[in-house]
Amino acid sequence: MDQNKNRVVIVEDHPMVREHLVFLINKEPDMEVCGEADNLPDATEVIRATSPNLVILDLTLKGGNGLDLIKTLRAQSLLVPVLVFSMHSESLYAERALRAGAKGYITKNQGSREVLEAVRKVLSGKLYISEKMVSEELEKMSSGSSAMLRPKPVDCLSDRELTVLEMIGRGLSSRTIAESLKLGVATVDTYRARIKEKLNLESAFELHDYAIRWVREGE
């Protein structure tokens, strides 16, 4: 490893996406990928072993959620900057990711130039969110909207409950959700029950309808 280069760990469970990020980072003269992982336990070990300058992190990982990794790093005093690189819309997860301790959030529909811009901004010690999100927040402020101060119904959900809600909204069954998150079907059904209770929903149909509308609003 070149000590003069910024070292980057990539935590992503899709091999093709991970390979693209490795290529993108390694072709930069001042950066190199020093480690890769596709799940939370391996990610923690790789980060501890390599002491990177930056972690690029997907939110949806094998057997867990990237938000859990951010919290684990903070709890273990592994204070490496984290840039979330996610398929999920900013309006769904960006605020929650930044609140957990991430230093930036960029979606996978952005081009390579935007990704590198986000990487360099976080490496320089600054926060990164898209111009679109900045504009939306400034518009709320300038219009005197109280929406910024008014909590959303989903804010009462835990990170795992929010993940389950999003997967329901994308049409996934309890069994498919369980397989994706490495949980039992009964555990997923318990999450569904908790979500219904917290959101004051009466039935599985109401939960499904709410989840679909919530996901669509964030796209």
Protein backbone atom coordinates (compact mmCIF):
# COMPACT_ATOMS: atom_id res chain seq x y z
CA MET A 1 0.00 0.00 0.00
CA ASP A 2 1.18 3.50 -0.90
CA GLN A 3 1.23 5.57 2.31
CA ASN A 4 0.81 8.75 0.23
CA LYS A 5 -2.58 7.65 -1.05
CA ASN A 6 -5.95 7.85 0.64
CA ARG A 7 -7.01 4.31 1.57
CA VAL A 8 -10.63 3.33 0.90
CA VAL A 9 -12.65 0.34 2.13
CA ILE A 10 -15.70 -0.63 0.07
CA VAL A 11 -18.61 -2.38 1.81
CA GLU A 12 -21.06 -3.54 -0.86
CA ASP A 13 -22.79 -6.91 -1.37
CA HIS A 14 -23.23 -6.73 -5.15
CA PRO A 15 -19.96 -7.93 -6.78
CA MET A 16 -20.46 -5.97 -10.02
CA VAL A 17 -21.10 -2.69 -8.17
CA ARG A 18 -18.13 -3.37 -5.89
CA GLU A 19 -15.87 -4.07 -8.88
CA HIS A 20 -16.93 -0.80 -10.51
CA LEU A 21 -16.15 1.15 -7.34
CA VAL A 22 -12.76 -0.54 -7.02
CA PHE A 23 -11.90 0.39 -10.61
CA LEU A 24 -13.17 3.97 -10.11
CA ILE A 25 -11.11 4.51 -6.96
CA ASN A 26 -7.93 2.74 -8.07
CA LYS A 27 -7.63 4.75 -11.29
CA GLU A 28 -7.31 7.95 -9.24
CA PRO A 29 -3.63 8.81 -8.60
CA ASP A 30 -4.16 9.72 -4.94
CA MET A 31 -6.53 6.92 -3.86
CA GLU A 32 -6.54 3.15 -3.57
CA VAL A 33 -8.88 0.46 -2.30
CA CYS A 34 -7.32 -1.25 0.72
CA GLY A 35 -10.17 -3.62 1.57
CA GLU A 36 -13.57 -4.98 0.59
CA ALA A 37 -16.48 -6.64 2.41
CA ASP A 38 -20.05 -7.69 1.68
CA ASN A 39 -21.36 -8.11 5.24
CA LEU A 40 -21.21 -6.39 8.63
CA PRO A 41 -18.82 -8.68 10.57
CA ASP A 42 -16.24 -8.79 7.76
CA ALA A 43 -16.56 -5.04 7.23
CA THR A 44 -15.74 -4.30 10.86
CA GLU A 45 -12.68 -6.56 10.75
CA VAL A 46 -11.41 -5.10 7.47
CA ILE A 47 -11.80 -1.55 8.74
CA ARG A 48 -10.04 -2.38 11.99
CA ALA A 49 -7.18 -4.11 10.13
CA THR A 50 -6.59 -1.46 7.44
CA SER A 51 -7.39 1.85 9.22
CA PRO A 52 -8.77 3.44 6.02
CA ASN A 53 -9.28 7.14 5.36
CA LEU A 54 -12.79 6.47 4.06
CA VAL A 55 -15.47 3.77 3.96
CA ILE A 56 -17.92 3.64 1.03
CA LEU A 57 -20.95 1.81 2.38
CA ASP A 58 -24.11 0.33 0.90
CA LEU A 59 -27.13 0.32 3.20
CA THR A 60 -28.46 -3.08 2.15
CA LEU A 61 -25.98 -5.80 3.08
CA LYS A 62 -26.01 -9.53 3.65
CA GLY A 63 -27.68 -10.15 7.00
CA GLY A 64 -27.90 -6.54 8.06
CA ASN A 65 -28.25 -2.85 7.45
CA GLY A 66 -25.43 -0.41 6.77
CA LEU A 67 -26.79 1.90 9.44
CA ASP A 68 -25.88 -0.78 11.99
CA LEU A 69 -22.26 -0.69 10.78
CA ILE A 70 -22.09 3.10 11.16
CA LYS A 71 -23.32 2.81 14.74
CA THR A 72 -20.92 -0.06 15.48
CA LEU A 73 -17.95 1.95 14.22
CA ARG A 74 -18.89 4.85 16.47
CA ALA A 75 -19.44 2.58 19.47
CA GLN A 76 -16.02 0.99 18.96
CA SER A 77 -14.33 4.40 18.44
CA LEU A 78 -13.41 3.54 14.85
CA LEU A 79 -13.88 7.11 13.70
CA VAL A 80 -13.43 6.64 9.98
CA PRO A 81 -15.57 8.87 7.70
CA VAL A 82 -18.38 6.97 5.98
CA LEU A 83 -19.93 7.82 2.62
CA VAL A 84 -23.21 5.98 2.07
CA PHE A 85 -23.62 4.78 -1.52
CA SER A 86 -27.15 3.48 -1.82
CA MET A 87 -29.97 2.53 -4.15
CA HIS A 88 -32.36 4.15 -1.68
CA SER A 89 -33.65 7.66 -2.30
CA GLU A 90 -32.15 10.42 -0.16
CA SER A 91 -35.60 11.38 1.07
CA LEU A 92 -35.96 7.91 2.61
CA TYR A 93 -32.62 7.41 4.32
CA ALA A 94 -30.16 10.32 4.03
CA GLU A 95 -31.20 12.14 7.20
CA ARG A 96 -31.20 8.91 9.19
CA ALA A 97 -27.76 7.94 7.84
CA LEU A 98 -26.26 11.34 8.69
CA ARG A 99 -27.85 11.20 12.14
CA ALA A 100 -26.23 7.78 12.68
CA GLY A 101 -22.82 9.29 11.89
CA ALA A 102 -22.29 9.11 8.12
CA LYS A 103 -20.47 12.05 6.51
CA GLY A 104 -22.18 11.83 3.15
CA TYR A 105 -24.96 10.21 1.14
CA ILE A 106 -25.07 9.59 -2.59
CA THR A 107 -27.43 7.40 -4.62
CA LYS A 108 -26.39 4.75 -7.12
CA ASN A 109 -28.11 6.54 -10.00
CA GLN A 110 -25.40 9.21 -9.93
CA GLY A 111 -22.54 9.16 -12.44
CA SER A 112 -18.89 8.43 -11.75
CA ARG A 113 -18.01 12.12 -11.64
CA GLU A 114 -20.57 12.77 -8.88
CA VAL A 115 -19.37 9.74 -6.93
CA LEU A 116 -15.76 10.94 -7.02
CA GLU A 117 -16.89 14.44 -6.05
CA ALA A 118 -18.65 12.98 -3.02
CA VAL A 119 -15.61 10.87 -2.12
CA ARG A 120 -13.24 13.83 -2.29
CA LYS A 121 -15.56 16.08 -0.32
CA VAL A 122 -15.85 13.59 2.53
CA LEU A 123 -12.09 12.93 2.45
CA SER A 124 -11.54 16.67 2.85
CA GLY A 125 -13.55 16.64 6.07
CA LYS A 126 -16.78 18.08 4.69
CA LEU A 127 -20.32 16.70 4.54
CA TYR A 128 -21.78 15.64 1.20
CA ILE A 129 -25.41 15.62 0.14
CA SER A 130 -26.77 16.26 -3.34
CA GLU A 131 -27.61 19.71 -4.66
CA LYS A 132 -31.20 18.52 -5.07
CA MET A 133 -31.52 17.74 -1.37
CA VAL A 134 -29.87 21.03 -0.40
CA SER A 135 -32.29 22.92 -2.68
CA GLU A 136 -35.30 21.12 -1.20
CA GLU A 137 -34.27 21.96 2.36
CA LEU A 138 -33.54 25.59 1.48
CA GLU A 139 -36.93 25.86 -0.24
CA LYS A 140 -38.63 24.60 2.90
CA MET A 141 -36.76 27.17 4.97
CA SER A 142 -37.48 30.08 2.62
CA SER A 143 -41.18 29.24 2.43
CA GLY A 144 -41.47 29.14 6.18
CA SER A 145 -42.61 25.52 6.03
CA SER A 146 -43.02 23.78 9.35
CA ALA A 147 -42.42 20.40 7.67
CA MET A 148 -38.79 20.44 8.78
CA LEU A 149 -39.85 20.66 12.41
CA ARG A 150 -42.76 18.24 12.19
CA PRO A 151 -41.64 14.61 12.61
CA LYS A 152 -42.72 12.13 9.96
CA PRO A 153 -44.73 9.08 11.05
CA VAL A 154 -41.87 6.78 10.04
CA ASP A 155 -39.46 8.60 12.37
CA CYS A 156 -40.80 6.46 15.23
CA LEU A 157 -39.58 3.27 13.50
CA SER A 158 -36.26 1.64 14.29
CA ASP A 159 -33.72 1.29 11.49
CA ARG A 160 -34.59 -2.39 11.01
CA GLU A 161 -38.32 -1.63 11.03
CA LEU A 162 -37.75 1.04 8.39
CA THR A 163 -35.85 -1.46 6.25
CA VAL A 164 -38.71 -3.96 6.52
CA LEU A 165 -41.25 -1.25 5.66
CA GLU A 166 -39.27 -0.31 2.57
CA MET A 167 -39.04 -3.94 1.45
CA ILE A 168 -42.79 -4.38 1.95
CA GLY A 169 -43.32 -1.28 -0.18
CA ARG A 170 -41.29 -2.87 -2.96
CA GLY A 171 -43.60 -5.88 -2.96
CA LEU A 172 -41.44 -8.41 -1.12
CA SER A 173 -43.06 -11.18 0.90
CA SER A 174 -42.19 -11.94 4.53
CA ARG A 175 -40.24 -15.01 3.40
CA THR A 176 -38.21 -13.05 0.85
CA ILE A 177 -37.51 -10.31 3.40
CA ALA A 178 -36.44 -12.94 5.92
CA GLU A 179 -34.04 -14.55 3.44
CA SER A 180 -32.56 -11.19 2.47
CA LEU A 181 -32.01 -10.05 6.07
CA LYS A 182 -31.00 -13.52 7.35
CA LEU A 183 -33.94 -13.59 9.77
CA GLY A 184 -36.71 -16.03 10.55
CA VAL A 185 -40.11 -15.47 8.95
CA ALA A 186 -41.63 -15.21 12.43
CA THR A 187 -39.18 -12.39 13.25
CA VAL A 188 -40.18 -10.49 10.12
CA ASP A 189 -43.85 -10.96 11.03
CA THR A 190 -43.07 -9.50 14.46
CA TYR A 191 -41.51 -6.47 12.77
CA ARG A 192 -44.61 -6.12 10.61
CA ALA A 193 -46.81 -6.16 13.70
CA ARG A 194 -44.67 -3.52 15.42
CA ILE A 195 -44.76 -1.29 12.33
CA LYS A 196 -48.55 -1.53 12.15
CA GLU A 197 -48.82 -0.63 15.83
CA LYS A 198 -46.44 2.33 15.62
CA LEU A 199 -48.11 3.72 12.48
CA ASN A 200 -51.64 3.05 13.77
CA LEU A 201 -52.48 0.75 10.88
CA GLU A 202 -55.27 -1.76 11.33
CA SER A 203 -54.54 -4.48 8.80
CA ALA A 204 -51.94 -6.06 6.55
CA PHE A 205 -53.67 -4.37 3.60
CA GLU A 206 -53.26 -0.92 5.20
CA LEU A 207 -49.61 -1.68 5.95
CA HIS A 208 -48.98 -2.77 2.36
CA ASP A 209 -50.75 0.29 0.95
CA TYR A 210 -48.89 2.67 3.29
CA ALA A 211 -45.52 1.08 2.45
CA ILE A 212 -46.10 1.36 -1.30
CA ARG A 213 -47.09 5.03 -1.06
CA TRP A 214 -44.13 5.82 1.20
CA VAL A 215 -41.63 4.24 -1.20
CA ARG A 216 -43.16 6.01 -4.20
CA GLU A 217 -42.99 9.38 -2.45
CA GLY A 218 -39.27 8.89 -1.97
CA GLU A 219 -38.50 8.01 -5.58
